[in-house]
N, C-alpha and C. Protein backbone atom coordinates (compact mmCIF):
# COMPACT_ATOMS: atom_id res chain seq x y z
N MET A 1 -54.01 -71.08 28.68
CA MET A 1 -53.08 -71.25 27.57
C MET A 1 -53.65 -72.65 26.51
N ILE A 2 -53.23 -72.38 25.68
CA ILE A 2 -53.52 -73.24 24.58
C ILE A 2 -52.84 -74.18 23.82
N GLY A 3 -53.07 -75.43 23.01
CA GLY A 3 -52.29 -75.69 21.68
C GLY A 3 -50.80 -75.89 21.94
N ALA A 4 -49.93 -75.30 20.93
CA ALA A 4 -48.79 -75.64 21.32
C ALA A 4 -48.15 -75.01 22.29
N ALA A 5 -48.40 -74.07 22.86
CA ALA A 5 -48.09 -73.70 24.44
C ALA A 5 -48.24 -74.52 25.46
N ALA A 6 -49.39 -74.94 25.49
CA ALA A 6 -49.78 -75.73 26.38
C ALA A 6 -48.90 -77.10 26.60
N ARG A 7 -48.88 -77.46 25.32
CA ARG A 7 -47.97 -78.97 25.12
C ARG A 7 -46.28 -78.52 25.68
N ALA A 8 -45.89 -77.41 25.08
CA ALA A 8 -44.30 -77.27 25.28
C ALA A 8 -44.34 -76.92 26.89
N TRP A 9 -45.12 -75.98 27.42
CA TRP A 9 -45.17 -76.30 29.00
C TRP A 9 -45.12 -77.39 29.82
N ALA A 10 -45.81 -78.35 29.14
CA ALA A 10 -46.22 -79.71 29.61
C ALA A 10 -44.51 -80.21 29.71
N VAL A 11 -44.45 -80.29 28.79
CA VAL A 11 -42.95 -81.07 28.74
C VAL A 11 -41.88 -80.24 29.27
N ILE A 12 -41.59 -79.09 29.20
CA ILE A 12 -41.08 -78.17 30.24
C ILE A 12 -40.86 -78.49 31.56
N ALA A 13 -42.15 -78.51 32.08
CA ALA A 13 -42.31 -78.81 33.27
C ALA A 13 -42.06 -79.82 34.07
N ALA A 14 -41.81 -81.00 33.31
CA ALA A 14 -41.82 -82.15 33.40
C ALA A 14 -40.35 -82.53 33.66
N ARG A 15 -39.63 -81.70 32.78
CA ARG A 15 -38.13 -82.52 32.52
C ARG A 15 -37.31 -81.35 32.40
N GLY A 16 -37.46 -79.85 32.77
CA GLY A 16 -36.56 -78.83 32.10
C GLY A 16 -36.58 -78.79 30.64
N GLY A 17 -35.20 -78.07 30.49
CA GLY A 17 -34.72 -78.09 29.04
C GLY A 17 -33.80 -77.33 28.87
N THR A 18 -33.23 -76.56 27.36
CA THR A 18 -32.19 -76.02 27.39
C THR A 18 -32.67 -74.54 27.77
N GLY A 19 -31.67 -73.49 27.75
CA GLY A 19 -31.99 -72.15 27.98
C GLY A 19 -32.90 -71.54 26.87
N GLU A 20 -32.61 -71.84 25.97
CA GLU A 20 -33.36 -71.33 24.51
C GLU A 20 -34.70 -71.97 24.62
N GLU A 21 -34.90 -73.56 24.82
CA GLU A 21 -36.17 -73.96 24.73
C GLU A 21 -37.21 -73.32 25.92
N LEU A 22 -36.48 -73.20 27.21
CA LEU A 22 -37.18 -72.22 28.32
C LEU A 22 -37.32 -70.61 28.00
N LEU A 23 -36.70 -70.05 27.37
CA LEU A 23 -36.94 -68.82 27.04
C LEU A 23 -37.99 -68.60 25.91
N ALA A 24 -38.61 -69.79 25.23
CA ALA A 24 -39.40 -69.59 24.02
C ALA A 24 -40.34 -69.99 24.92
N VAL A 25 -40.65 -70.89 25.56
CA VAL A 25 -42.02 -71.03 26.73
C VAL A 25 -42.30 -69.87 27.15
N PHE A 26 -41.17 -69.51 27.86
CA PHE A 26 -41.06 -68.09 28.84
C PHE A 26 -41.98 -66.76 27.88
N ASP A 27 -41.47 -66.68 26.60
CA ASP A 27 -41.78 -66.01 25.56
C ASP A 27 -43.41 -65.92 25.07
N ALA A 28 -44.11 -67.40 25.02
CA ALA A 28 -45.21 -67.47 24.78
C ALA A 28 -46.12 -67.34 26.11
N LEU A 29 -45.53 -67.09 27.36
CA LEU A 29 -46.76 -67.12 28.49
C LEU A 29 -47.24 -65.70 28.48
N PRO A 30 -48.49 -65.81 29.29
CA PRO A 30 -48.67 -64.09 29.38
C PRO A 30 -48.31 -63.55 30.64
N PRO A 31 -48.21 -62.23 30.47
CA PRO A 31 -47.98 -61.55 31.52
C PRO A 31 -48.63 -61.35 32.64
N VAL A 32 -48.02 -61.12 33.93
CA VAL A 32 -48.93 -60.68 35.22
C VAL A 32 -48.60 -59.53 35.98
N SER A 33 -49.92 -59.25 36.31
CA SER A 33 -49.82 -57.87 37.41
C SER A 33 -49.27 -58.45 38.64
N VAL A 34 -48.55 -57.10 39.33
CA VAL A 34 -48.18 -57.39 40.68
C VAL A 34 -49.10 -57.93 41.57
N ALA A 35 -50.60 -57.32 41.21
CA ALA A 35 -51.83 -57.79 42.41
C ALA A 35 -51.77 -59.37 41.94
N GLU A 36 -51.51 -59.93 41.05
CA GLU A 36 -51.80 -61.31 40.78
C GLU A 36 -50.61 -62.36 41.35
N VAL A 37 -49.34 -61.72 41.55
CA VAL A 37 -48.40 -62.52 42.31
C VAL A 37 -48.34 -62.53 43.90
N LEU A 38 -49.03 -61.55 44.50
CA LEU A 38 -48.90 -61.63 45.80
C LEU A 38 -49.58 -62.91 46.56
N GLY A 39 -48.66 -63.27 47.68
CA GLY A 39 -48.99 -64.20 48.17
C GLY A 39 -47.65 -64.92 48.24
N ARG A 40 -47.76 -66.14 49.21
CA ARG A 40 -46.67 -67.07 49.46
C ARG A 40 -46.39 -68.20 48.05
N TRP A 41 -45.42 -68.57 47.82
CA TRP A 41 -45.15 -69.37 46.58
C TRP A 41 -43.99 -70.87 46.75
N ARG A 42 -44.39 -71.68 46.54
CA ARG A 42 -43.54 -72.47 46.71
C ARG A 42 -42.57 -72.58 45.35
N GLY A 43 -41.31 -72.79 45.72
CA GLY A 43 -40.45 -72.54 44.06
C GLY A 43 -39.80 -74.18 43.80
N ARG A 44 -39.38 -74.21 42.81
CA ARG A 44 -38.83 -75.30 42.20
C ARG A 44 -37.69 -74.95 40.99
N VAL A 45 -36.87 -75.15 40.85
CA VAL A 45 -35.90 -74.92 39.74
C VAL A 45 -36.16 -75.82 38.55
N LEU A 46 -36.15 -75.13 37.75
CA LEU A 46 -36.09 -75.80 36.31
C LEU A 46 -34.86 -76.18 35.87
N ALA A 47 -34.54 -77.63 35.87
CA ALA A 47 -33.03 -77.76 34.96
C ALA A 47 -32.91 -77.05 33.71
N SER A 48 -31.93 -76.15 33.16
CA SER A 48 -31.52 -75.54 32.00
C SER A 48 -30.24 -75.76 31.52
N GLY A 49 -29.56 -76.60 32.21
CA GLY A 49 -27.79 -76.54 32.26
C GLY A 49 -27.34 -75.25 32.68
N HIS A 50 -28.11 -74.70 33.46
CA HIS A 50 -27.47 -73.18 34.37
C HIS A 50 -26.21 -73.94 35.31
N PRO A 51 -25.42 -73.27 35.49
CA PRO A 51 -24.31 -73.62 36.48
C PRO A 51 -25.04 -73.53 37.75
N TRP A 52 -25.86 -73.24 37.88
CA TRP A 52 -26.93 -72.79 39.43
C TRP A 52 -27.51 -74.10 39.48
N ASP A 53 -27.96 -74.40 38.35
CA ASP A 53 -29.19 -75.79 38.71
C ASP A 53 -28.72 -76.93 40.09
N GLY A 54 -29.69 -77.12 40.47
CA GLY A 54 -29.70 -77.84 41.80
C GLY A 54 -28.95 -77.43 43.08
N LEU A 55 -28.35 -76.06 42.83
CA LEU A 55 -27.95 -75.10 44.03
C LEU A 55 -28.86 -74.68 45.03
N LEU A 56 -29.67 -74.42 44.79
CA LEU A 56 -30.82 -73.53 45.61
C LEU A 56 -31.23 -74.55 46.87
N GLU A 57 -31.74 -75.95 45.98
CA GLU A 57 -32.51 -77.10 46.42
C GLU A 57 -31.37 -77.29 48.01
N ARG A 58 -30.04 -77.61 47.58
CA ARG A 58 -29.10 -78.26 48.67
C ARG A 58 -29.51 -76.94 49.64
N PHE A 59 -29.63 -75.95 49.66
CA PHE A 59 -29.82 -74.78 50.79
C PHE A 59 -31.05 -75.14 51.16
N GLY A 60 -31.90 -75.77 51.02
CA GLY A 60 -33.45 -75.83 51.84
C GLY A 60 -34.59 -74.47 51.28
N TRP A 61 -33.59 -74.34 50.18
CA TRP A 61 -34.71 -73.24 49.14
C TRP A 61 -36.35 -73.88 49.19
N HIS A 62 -37.48 -73.13 49.61
CA HIS A 62 -39.06 -73.62 49.58
C HIS A 62 -39.37 -72.50 48.63
N GLY A 63 -39.16 -71.25 48.78
CA GLY A 63 -40.00 -70.47 47.81
C GLY A 63 -39.43 -68.78 47.74
N LYS A 64 -41.08 -67.99 47.62
CA LYS A 64 -40.66 -66.66 47.68
C LYS A 64 -41.95 -66.32 48.23
N ALA A 65 -41.96 -65.28 49.06
CA ALA A 65 -43.32 -64.25 49.66
C ALA A 65 -43.21 -63.01 49.05
N PHE A 66 -44.52 -62.76 48.59
CA PHE A 66 -44.88 -61.03 48.21
C PHE A 66 -46.00 -60.67 49.03
N ASP A 67 -45.45 -60.03 49.93
CA ASP A 67 -46.50 -59.56 51.03
C ASP A 67 -47.16 -58.31 50.43
N GLY A 68 -46.42 -57.67 49.61
CA GLY A 68 -47.10 -56.53 49.28
C GLY A 68 -46.01 -55.68 48.25
N PRO A 69 -46.41 -54.59 47.45
CA PRO A 69 -45.36 -54.20 46.24
C PRO A 69 -44.03 -53.74 47.05
N GLU A 70 -44.01 -53.47 48.21
CA GLU A 70 -42.54 -53.11 48.51
C GLU A 70 -42.03 -54.05 49.68
N GLU A 71 -42.66 -55.20 49.66
CA GLU A 71 -42.35 -56.23 50.77
C GLU A 71 -42.47 -57.33 50.00
N ALA A 72 -41.20 -58.11 49.73
CA ALA A 72 -40.92 -59.15 48.75
C ALA A 72 -39.60 -59.92 49.65
N HIS A 73 -40.27 -61.30 49.61
CA HIS A 73 -38.86 -62.18 50.42
C HIS A 73 -38.35 -63.01 49.22
N PRO A 74 -37.63 -62.91 48.82
CA PRO A 74 -36.91 -63.78 47.37
C PRO A 74 -36.51 -64.90 47.85
N LEU A 75 -36.00 -65.45 49.11
CA LEU A 75 -35.39 -66.68 49.37
C LEU A 75 -36.09 -67.00 50.58
N LEU A 76 -37.13 -67.88 50.50
CA LEU A 76 -37.59 -68.61 51.62
C LEU A 76 -37.31 -70.08 51.63
N CYS A 77 -36.40 -70.50 53.25
CA CYS A 77 -35.74 -71.58 53.07
C CYS A 77 -36.55 -72.38 54.07
N ARG A 78 -36.06 -73.50 54.16
CA ARG A 78 -36.89 -74.30 55.49
C ARG A 78 -35.24 -74.86 56.44
N SER A 79 -35.40 -74.81 57.54
CA SER A 79 -34.40 -75.19 58.27
C SER A 79 -34.10 -76.63 58.26
N ARG A 80 -32.87 -77.34 59.13
CA ARG A 80 -33.35 -78.54 59.04
C ARG A 80 -34.05 -79.06 59.63
N GLY A 81 -34.90 -78.53 61.02
CA GLY A 81 -35.96 -78.79 61.80
C GLY A 81 -37.00 -78.36 61.25
N GLY A 82 -37.27 -78.06 60.02
CA GLY A 82 -38.37 -77.68 59.35
C GLY A 82 -38.92 -76.25 59.16
N LYS A 83 -38.53 -75.45 59.93
CA LYS A 83 -39.33 -74.18 60.15
C LYS A 83 -38.71 -73.42 58.77
N LEU A 84 -39.69 -72.45 58.40
CA LEU A 84 -39.56 -71.44 57.38
C LEU A 84 -39.07 -70.34 57.77
N PHE A 85 -38.04 -69.75 57.15
CA PHE A 85 -37.56 -68.48 57.23
C PHE A 85 -36.89 -67.99 56.10
N ALA A 86 -37.19 -66.69 55.94
CA ALA A 86 -36.61 -65.55 54.82
C ALA A 86 -35.36 -65.53 55.17
N LEU A 87 -34.40 -65.77 54.04
CA LEU A 87 -33.06 -65.55 54.34
C LEU A 87 -32.39 -64.33 53.19
N ASN A 88 -31.67 -63.55 54.09
CA ASN A 88 -31.26 -62.00 53.53
C ASN A 88 -30.43 -62.59 52.42
N PRO A 89 -30.74 -62.23 51.22
CA PRO A 89 -29.68 -62.62 49.92
C PRO A 89 -28.81 -62.02 49.94
N SER A 90 -28.61 -60.63 50.81
CA SER A 90 -27.50 -60.02 50.51
C SER A 90 -25.91 -60.60 51.31
N LEU A 91 -26.79 -61.72 52.08
CA LEU A 91 -25.59 -62.44 52.93
C LEU A 91 -24.96 -63.60 52.11
N VAL A 92 -25.45 -64.12 50.96
CA VAL A 92 -25.52 -64.92 49.96
C VAL A 92 -23.90 -64.23 49.20
N PRO A 93 -23.10 -64.95 48.85
CA PRO A 93 -21.56 -64.66 48.34
C PRO A 93 -21.87 -64.78 46.86
N VAL A 94 -22.90 -63.94 46.10
CA VAL A 94 -23.43 -64.10 44.67
C VAL A 94 -22.56 -63.94 43.67
N PRO A 95 -21.60 -63.02 44.24
CA PRO A 95 -20.41 -62.24 43.03
C PRO A 95 -19.49 -64.11 43.24
N LEU A 96 -18.91 -64.20 43.99
CA LEU A 96 -17.84 -65.73 44.27
C LEU A 96 -19.21 -66.99 43.17
N LEU A 97 -20.25 -66.84 43.90
CA LEU A 97 -20.74 -67.83 42.84
C LEU A 97 -20.99 -67.72 41.45
N ARG A 98 -21.04 -66.50 41.01
CA ARG A 98 -21.23 -66.26 39.77
C ARG A 98 -19.81 -66.50 39.25
N ARG A 99 -18.58 -66.44 39.95
CA ARG A 99 -17.24 -66.54 39.33
C ARG A 99 -16.88 -68.01 39.35
N TYR A 100 -17.32 -68.62 40.57
CA TYR A 100 -17.20 -70.09 40.94
C TYR A 100 -18.34 -70.85 41.11
N PRO A 101 -19.19 -71.35 40.27
CA PRO A 101 -20.52 -71.87 40.38
C PRO A 101 -20.51 -72.73 41.38
N GLY A 102 -19.30 -73.96 41.00
CA GLY A 102 -19.42 -75.27 42.01
C GLY A 102 -18.63 -74.68 43.29
N LEU A 103 -18.67 -73.61 43.77
CA LEU A 103 -17.98 -73.54 45.39
C LEU A 103 -18.81 -74.20 46.14
N LEU A 104 -20.24 -73.94 46.37
CA LEU A 104 -21.04 -74.38 47.15
C LEU A 104 -21.65 -75.59 46.70
N GLY A 105 -21.23 -76.35 45.94
CA GLY A 105 -21.87 -77.47 45.25
C GLY A 105 -22.01 -78.55 46.22
N GLY A 106 -20.85 -78.63 47.01
CA GLY A 106 -20.97 -80.29 47.82
C GLY A 106 -21.54 -80.07 48.94
N PRO A 107 -21.48 -81.76 49.38
CA PRO A 107 -22.22 -81.74 50.89
C PRO A 107 -22.03 -81.01 51.96
N VAL A 108 -20.70 -80.60 52.23
CA VAL A 108 -19.87 -79.87 53.13
C VAL A 108 -21.10 -78.59 53.32
N ALA A 109 -21.06 -77.95 51.94
CA ALA A 109 -21.48 -76.54 51.68
C ALA A 109 -23.21 -76.51 52.45
N GLY A 110 -23.57 -77.77 51.76
CA GLY A 110 -25.03 -77.73 52.35
C GLY A 110 -25.27 -77.75 53.78
N ARG A 111 -24.08 -78.84 54.53
CA ARG A 111 -24.29 -78.96 56.17
C ARG A 111 -23.93 -77.57 56.48
N LEU A 112 -22.91 -76.82 56.29
CA LEU A 112 -22.56 -75.53 56.99
C LEU A 112 -23.84 -74.70 57.12
N PHE A 113 -24.63 -74.95 55.98
CA PHE A 113 -25.44 -73.74 55.64
C PHE A 113 -26.66 -74.04 56.66
N GLY A 114 -26.88 -75.45 56.67
CA GLY A 114 -27.79 -75.81 57.70
C GLY A 114 -27.45 -75.87 59.10
N LEU A 115 -26.28 -75.44 59.80
CA LEU A 115 -25.76 -74.69 60.59
C LEU A 115 -26.15 -73.00 60.78
N ALA A 116 -25.52 -72.49 59.75
CA ALA A 116 -25.79 -71.15 59.93
C ALA A 116 -26.64 -70.51 58.97
N GLY A 117 -27.41 -71.55 58.46
CA GLY A 117 -28.62 -70.59 57.73
C GLY A 117 -29.25 -69.42 58.48
N ARG A 118 -29.97 -70.23 59.74
CA ARG A 118 -30.70 -68.97 60.32
C ARG A 118 -30.19 -68.04 60.89
N ALA A 119 -28.82 -67.94 60.83
CA ALA A 119 -28.03 -66.68 61.54
C ALA A 119 -27.83 -65.67 60.41
N ALA A 120 -28.30 -66.09 59.06
CA ALA A 120 -28.72 -65.25 58.23
C ALA A 120 -30.15 -64.86 57.82
N ALA A 121 -31.15 -65.00 58.57
CA ALA A 121 -32.54 -64.86 58.47
C ALA A 121 -32.98 -63.56 58.75
N THR A 122 -33.99 -63.10 57.99
CA THR A 122 -34.26 -61.97 58.34
C THR A 122 -35.98 -61.77 58.12
N ARG A 123 -36.15 -60.40 58.78
CA ARG A 123 -37.75 -60.85 58.48
C ARG A 123 -38.15 -59.24 58.11
N ARG A 124 -37.05 -58.50 57.80
CA ARG A 124 -37.41 -57.39 56.91
C ARG A 124 -37.66 -57.90 55.51
N PRO A 125 -38.12 -56.96 54.41
CA PRO A 125 -38.11 -57.40 53.11
C PRO A 125 -36.70 -57.30 52.41
N ALA A 126 -36.55 -57.94 51.41
CA ALA A 126 -35.06 -57.71 50.49
C ALA A 126 -35.23 -57.18 49.36
N ALA A 127 -36.27 -57.02 49.11
CA ALA A 127 -36.81 -57.10 47.62
C ALA A 127 -38.07 -56.32 47.48
N ARG A 128 -38.46 -55.57 46.16
CA ARG A 128 -39.78 -55.33 45.87
C ARG A 128 -40.25 -55.69 44.60
N LEU A 129 -41.84 -55.44 44.11
CA LEU A 129 -42.21 -55.83 43.20
C LEU A 129 -42.96 -54.70 42.27
N ARG A 130 -42.57 -54.67 40.92
CA ARG A 130 -42.69 -53.71 40.02
C ARG A 130 -43.06 -54.24 38.55
N MET A 131 -43.53 -53.71 37.65
CA MET A 131 -44.28 -54.01 36.65
C MET A 131 -42.60 -53.26 35.61
N VAL A 132 -42.13 -54.57 35.10
CA VAL A 132 -40.51 -54.40 34.11
C VAL A 132 -40.95 -54.84 32.98
N GLU A 133 -40.30 -54.33 31.72
CA GLU A 133 -40.52 -54.56 30.70
C GLU A 133 -38.92 -55.76 30.59
N HIS A 134 -39.47 -57.06 30.23
CA HIS A 134 -37.98 -58.05 29.92
C HIS A 134 -38.69 -59.02 28.50
N ARG A 135 -37.98 -58.80 27.88
CA ARG A 135 -37.60 -59.99 26.85
C ARG A 135 -38.94 -58.91 25.64
N GLY A 136 -39.23 -57.96 26.00
CA GLY A 136 -40.38 -57.03 25.03
C GLY A 136 -41.26 -57.31 25.65
N VAL A 137 -41.80 -57.60 26.79
CA VAL A 137 -43.32 -57.58 27.43
C VAL A 137 -43.20 -56.94 28.84
N VAL A 138 -44.17 -56.45 28.92
CA VAL A 138 -44.09 -55.80 30.55
C VAL A 138 -44.86 -56.72 31.42
N SER A 139 -44.70 -56.92 32.78
CA SER A 139 -45.06 -58.02 33.34
C SER A 139 -44.41 -57.86 35.07
N ALA A 140 -45.05 -58.59 35.69
CA ALA A 140 -44.53 -58.52 37.08
C ALA A 140 -43.19 -58.90 37.14
N ALA A 141 -42.55 -58.04 38.08
CA ALA A 141 -40.95 -58.53 38.47
C ALA A 141 -40.90 -58.18 39.64
N MET A 142 -39.74 -58.97 40.13
CA MET A 142 -39.19 -58.84 41.39
C MET A 142 -37.72 -58.12 41.66
N ILE A 143 -37.45 -57.00 42.25
CA ILE A 143 -36.10 -56.47 41.93
C ILE A 143 -35.71 -56.13 43.36
N TYR A 144 -34.69 -56.93 43.69
CA TYR A 144 -33.68 -57.16 44.58
C TYR A 144 -33.53 -56.00 45.11
N ASP A 145 -33.15 -55.39 46.72
CA ASP A 145 -32.83 -54.39 47.00
C ASP A 145 -31.04 -54.21 46.61
N ASP A 146 -30.59 -55.77 47.17
CA ASP A 146 -28.80 -55.27 47.22
C ASP A 146 -28.04 -55.99 46.37
N LEU A 147 -28.73 -56.51 45.29
CA LEU A 147 -28.32 -57.37 44.93
C LEU A 147 -28.97 -57.06 43.10
N PRO A 148 -27.39 -57.31 42.00
CA PRO A 148 -27.70 -56.92 40.84
C PRO A 148 -28.82 -57.89 40.26
N ILE A 149 -30.15 -58.28 40.44
CA ILE A 149 -31.07 -59.56 40.22
C ILE A 149 -32.35 -58.75 39.76
N ILE A 150 -33.01 -59.33 39.08
CA ILE A 150 -34.43 -59.02 38.49
C ILE A 150 -35.16 -60.69 38.29
N ASP A 151 -35.83 -60.76 38.87
CA ASP A 151 -36.83 -62.31 38.66
C ASP A 151 -37.78 -61.47 37.83
N ALA A 152 -38.23 -62.10 36.74
CA ALA A 152 -39.09 -61.78 35.91
C ALA A 152 -40.34 -63.01 35.62
N PHE A 153 -41.47 -62.70 35.83
CA PHE A 153 -42.62 -63.19 36.17
C PHE A 153 -43.54 -63.54 34.96
N ARG A 154 -44.11 -64.64 34.59
CA ARG A 154 -45.31 -64.80 33.37
C ARG A 154 -45.82 -65.84 33.74
N GLY A 155 -47.22 -66.05 33.84
CA GLY A 155 -48.12 -66.69 33.95
C GLY A 155 -48.73 -67.89 33.36
N VAL A 156 -48.56 -68.84 33.96
CA VAL A 156 -49.04 -70.23 33.40
C VAL A 156 -50.14 -70.67 33.70
N ASP A 157 -50.71 -70.17 34.98
CA ASP A 157 -52.36 -70.21 35.05
C ASP A 157 -52.41 -69.35 36.38
N ALA A 158 -53.72 -69.51 36.84
CA ALA A 158 -53.69 -68.53 38.21
C ALA A 158 -53.17 -68.84 39.88
N ASP A 159 -52.34 -69.88 39.66
CA ASP A 159 -51.46 -70.60 40.78
C ASP A 159 -50.07 -71.07 40.41
N THR A 160 -49.76 -70.59 39.22
CA THR A 160 -48.34 -71.23 38.84
C THR A 160 -47.75 -69.97 37.82
N LEU A 161 -46.59 -69.94 38.20
CA LEU A 161 -46.05 -68.71 37.58
C LEU A 161 -44.21 -69.50 37.09
N LEU A 162 -43.96 -68.63 35.62
CA LEU A 162 -42.56 -69.58 35.23
C LEU A 162 -41.65 -67.97 35.59
N GLY A 163 -40.56 -68.54 36.23
CA GLY A 163 -39.78 -67.18 36.56
C GLY A 163 -38.42 -67.46 35.88
N VAL A 164 -37.83 -66.21 35.43
CA VAL A 164 -36.56 -66.42 35.16
C VAL A 164 -35.57 -65.38 35.62
N MET A 165 -34.73 -65.76 36.43
CA MET A 165 -33.73 -64.65 37.01
C MET A 165 -32.78 -64.13 36.15
N ASP A 166 -32.61 -62.95 36.03
CA ASP A 166 -31.79 -61.81 35.29
C ASP A 166 -30.62 -61.29 35.97
N MET A 167 -29.53 -61.61 36.05
CA MET A 167 -28.51 -61.28 37.18
C MET A 167 -27.28 -60.61 35.85
N ARG A 168 -27.11 -59.34 36.42
CA ARG A 168 -25.86 -58.59 35.74
C ARG A 168 -24.53 -59.42 35.98
N GLY A 169 -24.28 -59.77 34.65
CA GLY A 169 -22.59 -60.32 34.66
C GLY A 169 -22.91 -61.96 34.39
N MET A 170 -24.33 -62.30 34.48
CA MET A 170 -24.23 -63.54 34.24
C MET A 170 -25.52 -64.23 32.96
N PRO A 171 -24.71 -64.12 31.65
CA PRO A 171 -25.36 -64.43 30.43
C PRO A 171 -26.55 -65.24 30.61
N GLN A 172 -26.68 -66.09 30.93
CA GLN A 172 -27.37 -67.33 30.69
C GLN A 172 -28.46 -67.11 32.00
N PRO A 173 -29.59 -67.21 31.69
CA PRO A 173 -30.89 -67.11 32.79
C PRO A 173 -31.33 -68.45 33.54
N PHE A 174 -31.51 -67.97 34.50
CA PHE A 174 -31.95 -69.10 35.79
C PHE A 174 -33.37 -69.11 35.94
N PHE A 175 -34.05 -70.65 35.66
CA PHE A 175 -35.24 -70.78 35.53
C PHE A 175 -35.70 -71.39 36.63
N PHE A 176 -37.21 -70.81 37.10
CA PHE A 176 -37.54 -71.76 38.35
C PHE A 176 -39.60 -71.59 37.95
N VAL A 177 -39.95 -72.47 38.69
CA VAL A 177 -41.21 -72.57 38.41
C VAL A 177 -41.85 -72.00 40.31
N LEU A 178 -42.80 -71.16 40.60
CA LEU A 178 -43.59 -71.11 41.28
C LEU A 178 -44.91 -71.16 41.78
N ARG A 179 -45.25 -72.26 42.75
CA ARG A 179 -46.68 -72.58 42.57
C ARG A 179 -47.33 -72.23 43.83
N ARG A 180 -48.70 -71.52 43.69
CA ARG A 180 -49.28 -70.68 44.88
C ARG A 180 -49.28 -71.86 46.26
N GLU A 181 -49.22 -71.39 47.59
CA GLU A 181 -49.58 -72.22 48.54
C GLU A 181 -50.68 -71.41 49.20
């Protein structure tokens, strides 16, 4: 990445930005292949004014794991005791969150998740990786098995991805950064 794209990424990575600013950076980044995204990734939400900004962090989101094209784990979380586990995304009340984004925003919800989160753990993959056209560019994407969600990825460098969650019924995209572990 060179020039204006590198400068824009440096600003966005540090502070987040508006949805439009983040989309402009996303569009300027190169596509990645499925093979390039395999591995375990540490995640961080990029603030964009999305109703879900800050939500994943309250629930111990750690990142994502891509063990193969058919074996993706979209929600790696850490328990209060520090153990890493894959959360079954089909048990997350996504339709309710889409309609009432503040519902799980309080500290009580975070504590309840800390107690019940491990009960929603799974060893089974909950998504798969494919090359998908998103915003006119074919790049690696993760398609959830049971939810109307596609996470599209672009490469910042060999160990950093910018991701955008595209969910049916939610017009505003949700942005995150993945850093290879």
